Every structure is written in C-alpha cells, then in structure tokens.
C-alpha cells in the first residue's frame, strides 16, 4: 500500500514575514515552499530601498532566521538603521539563499482553493488539500498542492488613492502621470515647481522632508502638505515618549520645517478632484478649496490588502479595516492610537478555512499599525501551530518598547484634536506604526 505524500506548507511572499515563516517551519522540520512573484527576495522592499527605516537592526531580524543563518558564517548586524536596500542585501537575500530551493521566484499566485471544491461546497472540504494556482514569468499556469497556506503578500501592491472617500478622486486616474504613490528617491527634477504631498503617515513625512532638503539647496520649490484631519498634531509622532529614536526624530524634523516656513501645511483638506489645465494640476477639496499650479502630487495615504487570490476560500475579514477579523479589535486605529496594540498569534489569525493564515501587513488590512517584529511573532506562533505545538503557539514572546505615537483616535474634524496626553504605558507586545 503506497504512502500518502506529505504536502508542504506554501508560504506566499518572500518578504520579511514570508521568509521568517519558512525559517520557523524549517527549524521545526515542516516542509515549506515560498512562492515569490519577484525575481529575488524582498522584491517589494527593494522598491523603497532608498528609504531608511526607523527600526534598528535588532528589531528587523527574526530569531529563527538568525539561527538558520548563523551556521553559514552570517553575523546579525548589532546596531544602526538600514535602508530598505541594506535590509535586503544584508539579511533577506542571505536568508533566502540559505533556504535555497525552498524559494520559488518569478511565480505569481493567482488563487488559492481546496482541491475539487469551490467556495460554496462544504462536504468533505477540510479533508482536501489546498491548491495554489500560479503563473510563471513565461505565462505558464501551474498548481501546487499544500497542506496549509500562509499568505504573507503584504499590501505594497495596492496603495490607497488620494481621494478622501477611498476611491480615486475625479480626474485622479487621468492625471496618473503627475501623481505618485511612492516615496521619491531623486527629487532634483522638481526644483522650482509646486509639489503637493497628501497623507499624514511616515511615508508622507519622509517625502516632505526629502522635498524640504531640495528647497534648501534649490530655492524656488513650493511644498504644500495636505492633511485630511483638522490638526497637524498627529504627524509629529510621540516625541520624548517614543522609544524608537529615529521615528521620534522624523516627527521632530517635520515640525521644524513647518515652523521654518519651508513647507505649507493645509489641514482639513479632503481631496475630491484633480483638474488639469495648461500643464499643471489644481487639487480641489470636498469643501471647494483649491490648490493650483501643481506640477507633481505624492499621494501617500496608506495601503490596503488585495484579497483577490482568496476569493475561493472562506475567510473572515473585518468590515471596516479589511484586517483579519480575529485581530481587528486589537489594531483598530480609531480605538488604539497611543501604543495599545498588542501581539497577535495563530489563535487570533485563524480563518474559517482551516489551515489558511493571513500574516504580516496584510493581516492588518488598512490599519497603519504594523511593525516587522509584530509579524515575526505572528509567523512564530503560526509555525508552532502548524507543527503541532499548541503551547508554543499560544505563548507570547514579543516584548516591545513604548511608542508615544498617536494614530487615528480623536475627532476627525476637530482642530487641534489629539489623542495624546502623557506617554502611556504599553501592554506587553505593543508597538504601532512602521514605514
């Protein structure tokens, strides 16, 4: 009688969380296959490789990954704040190399299903393996059978639009050649122009500071920063209450360029329309306010998950955040804003489709409260669960410093509204916000 083959766990995405998941599974003797659509590990991170992270090296590497790498002679960087490119070259690429042929590059996952069952069919569903549908770089379709699936595809591929209601503003698609949804690298070609930045997060802050540096070198550039909220308070971060010094410095620098008049801040501006005229854009708010003569717009309003590959499996996502329902109440920025976001693991990430897990930034949906270490704790717990170690899966091994950072709580329309008072004491495992 022939033995039934043991199917691998398929991990989708060779980014920080996907590779860490593979490291934990490998350490536990569980066969793992990582499917990556890019040509190399950390392909999405490489797209913002020019940006320096505000998390230090000790917070950017996973414990199981370090244990896997150290026998190769690799040494974990002990200090410093890498750029995205350095994170890839000094950690993610070596980790992927060590995982070897467990990582399959140039392969895009187009869907996940149960073998022989569409989403509607309940009979015998749990007994069937997963089928991961793929297409390679030559356009050839493929299928990988899996015992379980870990979706670590992130949110990078689906940035939010500039339009304040969640849809592209009128004229936004037509003006696509003048609107970017990424942090710029070289901005020298914008000297002498009027540039608008939309958004209040760290990506927007990075961009504003990059443009302000150009303004000092090449006077004549005009930088307008549009914020949807009635106050600019939240963009300055936690200050002395933030135990991530580089993040605190980011907010402090933003405050200085605003106070120096290098950047004009317009609050309560919710983009409704883009109008093109004579080679320039006019940005129009819902209340009729206009910002005219704009050469370039950087719309940095966050990201959202692409769930199209999950349409034939049974998932439970929060209706507001598009986050995994089991963690939504713990990460909702309308509630958790000053550092009260806790660690989440396999128990909270469990889906109605047994054996399917959504991890990393994608598990947080639209919530802007994700950090690499949070994701590493998630995949450690999920790997323990899949390896049959419930005690380890339920254990919380994440301890993080205070943030002092305010997120979305407070009145949306109120001028001067802020959720911040004195820096709060976080629960074990809390720490929101990442680049």
Protein backbone atom coordinates (compact mmCIF):
# COMPACT_ATOMS: atom_id res chain seq x y z
CA UNK A 1 0.00 0.00 0.00
CA UNK A 2 1.57 3.30 -1.11
CA UNK A 3 2.11 6.06 1.42
CA UNK A 4 0.19 9.30 1.08
CA UNK A 5 2.76 12.06 0.37
CA UNK A 6 3.17 14.77 3.00
CA UNK A 7 2.32 18.07 1.37
CA UNK A 8 4.29 21.22 2.12
CA UNK A 9 3.11 24.41 3.73
CA UNK A 10 3.04 27.01 0.96
CA UNK A 11 4.12 30.49 2.01
CA UNK A 12 3.17 33.25 -0.41
CA UNK A 13 5.67 36.09 -0.50
CA UNK A 14 9.45 36.13 0.09
CA UNK A 15 9.43 39.30 2.13
CA UNK A 16 10.43 39.63 5.80
CA UNK A 17 7.43 37.72 7.20
CA UNK A 18 7.26 35.10 4.47
CA UNK A 19 10.94 34.19 4.80
CA UNK A 20 10.67 34.19 8.60
CA UNK A 21 7.70 31.82 8.37
CA UNK A 22 9.77 29.48 6.21
CA UNK A 23 12.65 29.67 8.69
CA UNK A 24 10.39 28.73 11.62
CA UNK A 25 8.77 25.89 9.68
CA UNK A 26 12.16 24.58 8.55
CA UNK A 27 13.51 24.70 12.09
CA UNK A 28 10.54 22.59 13.20
CA UNK A 29 11.03 20.05 10.43
CA UNK A 30 7.97 21.13 8.44
CA UNK A 31 8.43 21.21 4.67
CA UNK A 32 7.84 24.71 3.30
CA UNK A 33 7.72 26.22 -0.18
CA UNK A 34 7.92 30.01 -0.57
CA UNK A 35 6.34 31.37 -3.74
CA UNK A 36 7.60 34.81 -4.78
CA UNK A 37 6.47 36.72 -7.85
CA UNK A 38 9.60 38.88 -7.90
CA UNK A 39 12.96 37.83 -9.26
CA UNK A 40 14.59 37.95 -5.84
CA UNK A 41 13.85 38.02 -2.13
CA UNK A 42 12.41 41.20 -0.68
CA UNK A 43 11.30 42.47 -4.09
CA UNK A 44 8.73 44.85 -2.59
CA UNK A 45 11.24 46.15 -0.02
CA UNK A 46 13.68 46.81 -2.86
CA UNK A 47 11.15 49.18 -4.42
CA UNK A 48 11.63 51.50 -1.44
CA UNK A 49 15.28 50.60 -0.98
CA UNK A 50 16.32 54.27 -0.79
CA UNK A 51 14.29 54.81 2.41
CA UNK A 52 15.96 54.42 5.80
CA UNK A 53 13.94 52.51 8.39
CA UNK A 54 13.33 53.94 11.85
CA UNK A 55 13.60 50.48 13.41
CA UNK A 56 17.12 49.40 14.32
CA UNK A 57 18.76 46.19 13.12
CA UNK A 58 17.91 44.15 16.26
CA UNK A 59 14.22 44.74 15.53
CA UNK A 60 14.44 43.77 11.86
CA UNK A 61 15.66 40.18 12.05
CA UNK A 62 13.71 37.12 13.14
CA UNK A 63 15.04 34.71 15.79
CA UNK A 64 14.58 31.50 13.79
CA UNK A 65 16.08 33.18 10.73
CA UNK A 66 19.14 34.16 12.75
CA UNK A 67 19.53 30.59 13.99
CA UNK A 68 19.29 29.33 10.43
CA UNK A 69 21.80 31.87 9.13
CA UNK A 70 24.48 31.78 11.82
CA UNK A 71 25.98 28.38 10.83
CA UNK A 72 26.72 29.89 7.39
CA UNK A 73 29.02 32.49 8.95
CA UNK A 74 26.43 35.26 8.78
CA UNK A 75 26.50 37.69 11.70
CA UNK A 76 23.46 39.66 12.73
CA UNK A 77 24.02 43.43 12.45
CA UNK A 78 24.07 44.70 16.03
CA UNK A 79 23.20 48.35 15.54
CA UNK A 80 22.26 51.01 13.06
CA UNK A 81 19.25 51.82 10.94
CA UNK A 82 19.38 50.22 7.49
CA UNK A 83 17.83 51.41 4.29
CA UNK A 84 15.41 49.06 2.59
CA UNK A 85 18.19 48.06 0.17
CA UNK A 86 20.50 47.23 3.08
CA UNK A 87 17.78 45.22 4.78
CA UNK A 88 17.53 43.13 1.62
CA UNK A 89 21.24 42.72 0.90
CA UNK A 90 22.40 42.11 4.47
CA UNK A 91 19.52 39.96 5.76
CA UNK A 92 16.68 39.00 3.43
CA UNK A 93 18.83 37.87 0.48
CA UNK A 94 21.19 35.76 2.65
CA UNK A 95 18.18 34.21 4.39
CA UNK A 96 16.57 33.32 1.08
CA UNK A 97 19.88 31.88 -0.15
CA UNK A 98 20.06 29.70 2.96
CA UNK A 99 16.52 28.46 2.37
CA UNK A 100 17.72 27.52 -1.11
CA UNK A 101 15.30 25.74 -3.42
CA UNK A 102 12.50 26.16 -0.90
CA UNK A 103 12.04 29.61 -2.50
CA UNK A 104 10.42 29.69 -5.93
CA UNK A 105 10.98 33.00 -7.76
CA UNK A 106 9.22 34.57 -10.73
CA UNK A 107 5.97 32.84 -9.84
CA UNK A 108 2.76 34.76 -9.22
CA UNK A 109 -0.02 33.22 -7.15
CA UNK A 110 -3.32 33.78 -8.92
CA UNK A 111 -5.61 31.97 -6.49
CA UNK A 112 -5.99 29.60 -3.55
CA UNK A 113 -8.66 26.91 -3.34
CA UNK A 114 -9.49 23.50 -1.90
CA UNK A 115 -8.85 20.69 -4.35
CA UNK A 116 -12.07 19.88 -6.19
CA UNK A 117 -14.12 22.33 -4.07
CA UNK A 118 -15.12 25.87 -4.85
CA UNK A 119 -16.03 28.24 -2.05
CA UNK A 120 -19.64 27.07 -1.84
CA UNK A 121 -19.02 23.34 -1.33
CA UNK A 122 -18.88 22.29 2.32
CA UNK A 123 -18.93 18.49 2.02
CA UNK A 124 -15.51 16.98 2.72
CA UNK A 125 -13.88 20.37 2.46
CA UNK A 126 -11.42 20.12 5.35
CA UNK A 127 -10.08 16.78 4.11
CA UNK A 128 -8.98 18.23 0.79
CA UNK A 129 -5.54 19.79 0.29
CA UNK A 130 -5.15 23.37 -0.77
CA UNK A 131 -4.41 24.11 -4.40
CA UNK A 132 -2.24 27.17 -5.00
CA UNK A 133 -2.75 28.34 -8.57
CA UNK A 134 0.26 30.06 -10.14
CA UNK A 135 1.55 31.57 -13.35
CA UNK A 136 5.27 31.81 -14.10
CA UNK A 137 7.18 34.58 -15.84
CA UNK A 138 6.61 32.87 -19.20
CA UNK A 139 2.87 32.85 -18.69
CA UNK A 140 2.56 29.14 -17.93
CA UNK A 141 -0.09 28.10 -15.42
CA UNK A 142 0.78 25.80 -12.54
CA UNK A 143 -0.67 24.27 -9.38
CA UNK A 144 0.98 23.47 -6.06
CA UNK A 145 -0.78 21.20 -3.57
CA UNK A 146 -0.37 22.29 0.03
CA UNK A 147 -1.29 21.08 3.50
CA UNK A 148 -1.63 24.67 4.68
CA UNK A 149 -1.14 28.14 3.23
CA UNK A 150 0.41 31.24 4.79
CA UNK A 151 -0.44 34.42 2.88
CA UNK A 152 2.35 36.93 3.51
CA UNK A 153 1.84 39.01 0.38
CA UNK A 154 1.64 42.35 2.19
CA UNK A 155 -0.16 45.43 0.91
CA UNK A 156 2.54 47.19 -1.11
CA UNK A 157 0.90 46.49 -4.47
CA UNK A 158 -2.33 48.31 -3.62
CA UNK A 159 -1.79 51.89 -2.38
CA UNK A 160 -4.77 53.94 -1.34
CA UNK A 161 -5.86 56.70 -3.72
CA UNK A 162 -5.66 60.42 -2.98
CA UNK A 163 -9.45 60.65 -2.99
CA UNK A 164 -10.68 61.15 0.56
CA UNK A 165 -13.59 58.71 0.34
CA UNK A 166 -11.42 55.71 -0.54
CA UNK A 167 -11.99 55.88 -4.30
CA UNK A 168 -9.84 57.78 -6.79
CA UNK A 169 -10.80 61.43 -6.88
CA UNK A 170 -12.42 62.82 -10.01
CA UNK A 171 -9.62 63.21 -12.54
CA UNK A 172 -7.12 61.22 -10.45
CA UNK A 173 -6.78 58.38 -12.94
CA UNK A 174 -6.48 60.79 -15.87
CA UNK A 175 -3.70 62.65 -14.04
CA UNK A 176 -1.75 59.46 -13.27
CA UNK A 177 1.41 60.73 -14.95
CA UNK A 178 1.60 63.54 -12.37
CA UNK A 179 0.63 61.54 -9.29
CA UNK A 180 2.96 59.12 -7.49
CA UNK A 181 2.02 56.74 -4.67
CA UNK A 182 5.60 56.01 -3.59
CA UNK A 183 8.27 57.81 -1.55
CA UNK A 184 10.52 59.51 -4.11
CA UNK A 185 14.25 58.94 -4.37
CA UNK A 186 15.74 61.68 -6.54
CA UNK A 187 13.60 64.83 -6.44
CA UNK A 188 16.07 67.18 -8.12
CA UNK A 189 13.90 67.47 -11.25
CA UNK A 190 11.20 69.11 -9.11
CA UNK A 191 13.30 72.21 -8.36
CA UNK A 192 11.36 75.39 -8.98
CA UNK A 193 7.98 73.68 -9.09
CA UNK A 194 4.96 73.42 -6.81
CA UNK A 195 4.71 69.94 -5.23
CA UNK A 196 1.81 68.63 -3.15
CA UNK A 197 2.05 65.79 -0.63
CA UNK A 198 -1.18 64.12 0.53
CA UNK A 199 -1.13 61.99 3.69
CA UNK A 200 -0.19 62.09 7.36
CA UNK A 201 1.86 58.94 7.90
CA UNK A 202 5.57 58.23 7.91
CA UNK A 203 5.77 57.83 4.13
CA UNK A 204 4.30 61.31 3.67
CA UNK A 205 6.65 62.70 6.33
CA UNK A 206 9.67 61.13 4.63
CA UNK A 207 8.60 62.71 1.34
CA UNK A 208 8.03 66.14 2.83
CA UNK A 209 11.48 66.07 4.42
CA UNK A 210 13.12 64.99 1.16
CA UNK A 211 11.42 67.85 -0.64
CA UNK A 212 12.37 70.31 2.10
CA UNK A 213 16.03 69.35 1.64
CA UNK A 214 15.67 70.20 -2.05
CA UNK A 215 14.10 73.53 -1.09
CA UNK A 216 17.20 74.42 0.92
CA UNK A 217 19.52 73.53 -1.97
CA UNK A 218 17.38 74.98 -4.74
CA UNK A 219 15.13 77.80 -3.52
CA UNK A 220 12.02 78.21 -5.59
CA UNK A 221 10.31 74.93 -4.94
CA UNK A 222 6.99 75.22 -3.17
CA UNK A 223 5.86 72.33 -0.98
CA UNK A 224 2.25 72.04 0.21
CA UNK A 225 1.33 69.27 2.64
CA UNK A 226 -2.37 68.34 2.62
CA UNK A 227 -3.81 66.66 5.73
CA UNK A 228 -7.34 65.31 5.93
CA UNK A 229 -7.59 65.87 9.66
CA UNK A 230 -8.27 69.19 11.27
CA UNK A 231 -4.88 69.22 13.02
CA UNK A 232 -1.24 68.52 12.18
CA UNK A 233 -0.51 67.27 15.69
CA UNK A 234 -0.52 63.57 14.85
CA UNK A 235 2.17 63.81 12.19
CA UNK A 236 4.82 64.73 14.76
CA UNK A 237 4.78 61.34 16.48
CA UNK A 238 5.47 60.58 20.11
CA UNK A 239 8.44 62.84 20.75
CA UNK A 240 10.11 62.03 24.05
CA UNK A 241 7.54 59.28 24.62
CA UNK A 242 8.79 57.33 21.60
CA UNK A 243 11.46 54.76 22.41
CA UNK A 244 12.29 54.45 18.71
CA UNK A 245 14.61 57.48 18.45
CA UNK A 246 14.71 57.58 14.66
CA UNK A 247 10.93 57.72 14.48
CA UNK A 248 10.86 60.47 17.09
CA UNK A 249 13.48 62.37 15.09
CA UNK A 250 11.34 62.09 11.96
CA UNK A 251 8.46 63.88 13.63
CA UNK A 252 10.76 66.50 15.17
CA UNK A 253 12.30 67.29 11.78
CA UNK A 254 8.85 67.64 10.25
CA UNK A 255 7.84 70.09 12.94
CA UNK A 256 10.96 72.20 12.31
CA UNK A 257 10.48 72.53 8.54
CA UNK A 258 6.87 73.55 9.10
CA UNK A 259 7.79 76.11 11.73
CA UNK A 260 10.54 77.45 9.45
CA UNK A 261 8.01 78.04 6.68
CA UNK A 262 9.74 75.64 4.28
CA UNK A 263 6.54 73.62 3.99
CA UNK A 264 2.98 74.92 3.97
CA UNK A 265 0.52 72.69 5.81
CA UNK A 266 -3.16 72.74 4.93
CA UNK A 267 -5.38 70.83 7.37
CA UNK A 268 -8.91 69.58 6.85
CA UNK A 269 -8.25 69.15 3.12
CA UNK A 270 -10.03 66.10 1.69
CA UNK A 271 -9.23 65.64 -1.96
CA UNK A 272 -12.28 65.37 -4.23
CA UNK A 273 -10.96 66.31 -7.68
CA UNK A 274 -7.89 66.89 -9.84
CA UNK A 275 -8.21 69.34 -12.70
CA UNK A 276 -5.54 69.64 -15.41
CA UNK A 277 -5.01 72.96 -17.13
CA UNK A 278 -2.02 74.29 -19.12
CA UNK A 279 0.28 71.54 -17.94
CA UNK A 280 -0.48 72.00 -14.24
CA UNK A 281 -2.85 70.43 -11.74
CA UNK A 282 -5.40 72.03 -9.50
CA UNK A 283 -6.28 69.96 -6.45
CA UNK A 284 -9.82 70.58 -5.25
CA UNK A 285 -11.15 69.64 -1.81
CA UNK A 286 -14.63 68.47 -0.93
CA UNK A 287 -15.35 71.91 0.55
CA UNK A 288 -14.31 73.66 -2.66
CA UNK A 289 -10.88 74.79 -1.50
CA UNK A 290 -8.30 74.76 -4.30
CA UNK A 291 -4.53 74.32 -4.52
CA UNK A 292 -3.42 75.37 -8.01
CA UNK A 293 -0.30 75.39 -10.17
CA UNK A 294 0.80 71.94 -9.01
CA UNK A 295 3.46 70.11 -11.04
CA UNK A 296 3.54 66.86 -9.06
CA UNK A 297 1.47 65.13 -6.37
CA UNK A 298 2.69 62.47 -3.96
CA UNK A 299 -0.36 60.66 -2.63
CA UNK A 300 0.85 58.71 0.40
CA UNK A 301 -2.35 57.75 2.16
CA UNK A 302 -1.57 54.16 3.12
CA UNK A 303 -2.26 50.77 1.60
CA UNK A 304 -4.98 48.14 1.51
CA UNK A 305 -4.82 44.36 1.03
CA UNK A 306 -5.50 42.67 -2.28
CA UNK A 307 -7.78 39.74 -1.43
CA UNK A 308 -8.46 38.62 -4.99
CA UNK A 309 -6.37 35.44 -4.60
CA UNK A 310 -8.57 34.44 -1.64
CA UNK A 311 -11.92 34.56 -3.40
CA UNK A 312 -12.40 30.75 -3.48
CA UNK A 313 -11.56 30.14 0.19
CA UNK A 314 -13.55 31.02 3.26
CA UNK A 315 -12.09 33.99 5.08
CA UNK A 316 -13.25 36.34 7.79
CA UNK A 317 -12.13 39.95 7.39
CA UNK A 318 -13.25 42.96 9.38
CA UNK A 319 -15.75 45.11 7.52
CA UNK A 320 -14.02 48.36 8.39
CA UNK A 321 -10.31 47.60 8.25
CA UNK A 322 -10.15 44.67 5.78
CA UNK A 323 -7.99 43.14 8.52
CA UNK A 324 -8.22 39.59 9.82
CA UNK A 325 -11.38 39.68 11.92
CA UNK A 326 -9.75 37.99 14.90
CA UNK A 327 -7.28 40.83 15.39
CA UNK A 328 -9.33 43.80 14.19
CA UNK A 329 -10.44 44.97 17.62
CA UNK A 330 -6.82 44.88 18.80
CA UNK A 331 -5.46 47.06 15.99
CA UNK A 332 -8.29 49.44 15.10
CA UNK A 333 -6.67 52.91 14.81
CA UNK A 334 -9.97 54.50 15.84
CA UNK A 335 -9.52 52.87 19.25
CA UNK A 336 -5.83 52.06 19.61
CA UNK A 337 -3.80 55.13 18.95
CA UNK A 338 -1.22 55.72 21.63
CA UNK A 339 0.54 52.41 21.78
CA UNK A 340 -2.09 49.94 22.90
CA UNK A 341 -1.74 47.46 20.02
CA UNK A 342 -0.87 44.00 21.31
CA UNK A 343 0.81 40.94 19.83
CA UNK A 344 -1.27 38.55 17.77
CA UNK A 345 -0.70 34.88 17.00
CA UNK A 346 -2.21 31.77 15.46
CA UNK A 347 -5.29 31.79 17.67
CA UNK A 348 -6.31 35.29 16.61
CA UNK A 349 -5.30 34.74 12.97
CA UNK A 350 -7.31 31.54 12.48
CA UNK A 351 -9.63 31.62 9.47
CA UNK A 352 -12.86 29.70 8.75
CA UNK A 353 -10.76 27.89 6.12
CA UNK A 354 -8.78 25.62 8.43
CA UNK A 355 -5.07 25.71 7.64
CA UNK A 356 -5.12 29.13 5.97
CA UNK A 357 -3.40 32.06 7.67
CA UNK A 358 -3.03 35.69 6.60
CA UNK A 359 0.01 37.23 8.28
CA UNK A 360 2.15 40.34 8.21
CA UNK A 361 0.97 43.71 6.96
CA UNK A 362 -1.85 42.05 5.03
CA UNK A 363 -3.35 40.72 8.27
CA UNK A 364 -3.63 44.33 9.46
CA UNK A 365 -5.60 45.37 6.38
CA UNK A 366 -5.81 49.15 6.30
CA UNK A 367 -4.62 49.67 9.88
CA UNK A 368 -1.35 51.67 9.87
CA UNK A 369 -0.03 49.95 12.99
CA UNK A 370 2.21 47.15 11.72
CA UNK A 371 5.88 46.53 12.57
CA UNK A 372 8.28 43.83 11.42
CA UNK A 373 8.61 42.36 14.91
CA UNK A 374 4.85 42.07 15.17
CA UNK A 375 4.88 39.99 12.01
CA UNK A 376 7.76 37.84 13.23
CA UNK A 377 5.75 36.99 16.33
CA UNK A 378 2.77 36.11 14.17
CA UNK A 379 4.70 33.65 11.99
CA UNK A 380 6.48 32.11 15.00
CA UNK A 381 3.10 31.34 16.52
CA UNK A 382 1.57 30.10 13.25
CA UNK A 383 4.55 27.83 12.56
CA UNK A 384 4.27 26.36 16.06
CA UNK A 385 0.57 25.73 15.49
CA UNK A 386 1.17 24.01 12.16
CA UNK A 387 3.92 21.90 13.73
CA UNK A 388 1.52 20.66 16.40
CA UNK A 389 2.88 22.67 19.32
CA UNK A 390 -0.15 24.50 20.77
CA UNK A 391 1.66 25.60 23.92
CA UNK A 392 4.29 27.48 21.89
CA UNK A 393 1.62 28.82 19.54
CA UNK A 394 -0.31 30.36 22.43
CA UNK A 395 2.77 31.78 24.13
CA UNK A 396 3.51 35.48 23.65
CA UNK A 397 7.23 36.04 23.07
CA UNK A 398 7.01 39.64 21.91
CA UNK A 399 8.25 42.46 24.14
CA UNK A 400 8.40 45.91 22.59
CA UNK A 401 9.24 49.44 23.77
CA UNK A 402 6.81 52.30 24.22
CA UNK A 403 5.82 54.43 21.23
CA UNK A 404 4.18 57.57 22.49
CA UNK A 405 2.70 57.68 18.98
CA UNK A 406 -0.83 58.72 18.26
CA UNK A 407 -2.75 57.20 15.43
CA UNK A 408 -6.28 57.83 14.28
CA UNK A 409 -8.22 58.33 17.50
CA UNK A 410 -9.66 61.69 18.34
CA UNK A 411 -12.21 63.76 16.46
CA UNK A 412 -11.60 63.63 12.70
CA UNK A 413 -12.83 67.16 12.04
CA UNK A 414 -11.73 68.95 15.20
CA UNK A 415 -8.94 71.49 15.00
CA UNK A 416 -6.21 70.72 17.48
CA UNK A 417 -7.70 67.32 18.29
CA UNK A 418 -5.22 64.76 19.54
CA UNK A 419 -5.37 61.52 21.44
CA UNK A 420 -2.04 62.19 23.10
CA UNK A 421 -1.55 63.21 26.64
CA UNK A 422 1.37 61.99 28.64
CA UNK A 423 3.14 58.98 27.14
CA UNK A 424 1.15 55.89 28.01
CA UNK A 425 2.45 52.58 29.34
CA UNK A 426 2.02 49.87 26.72
CA UNK A 427 0.89 46.33 27.22
CA UNK A 428 3.45 43.64 26.53
CA UNK A 429 3.72 43.17 22.81
CA UNK A 430 2.56 46.59 21.70
CA UNK A 431 4.08 48.99 19.26
CA UNK A 432 2.34 50.51 16.29
CA UNK A 433 3.42 52.08 13.04
CA UNK A 434 6.11 51.24 10.51
CA UNK A 435 7.47 52.63 7.25
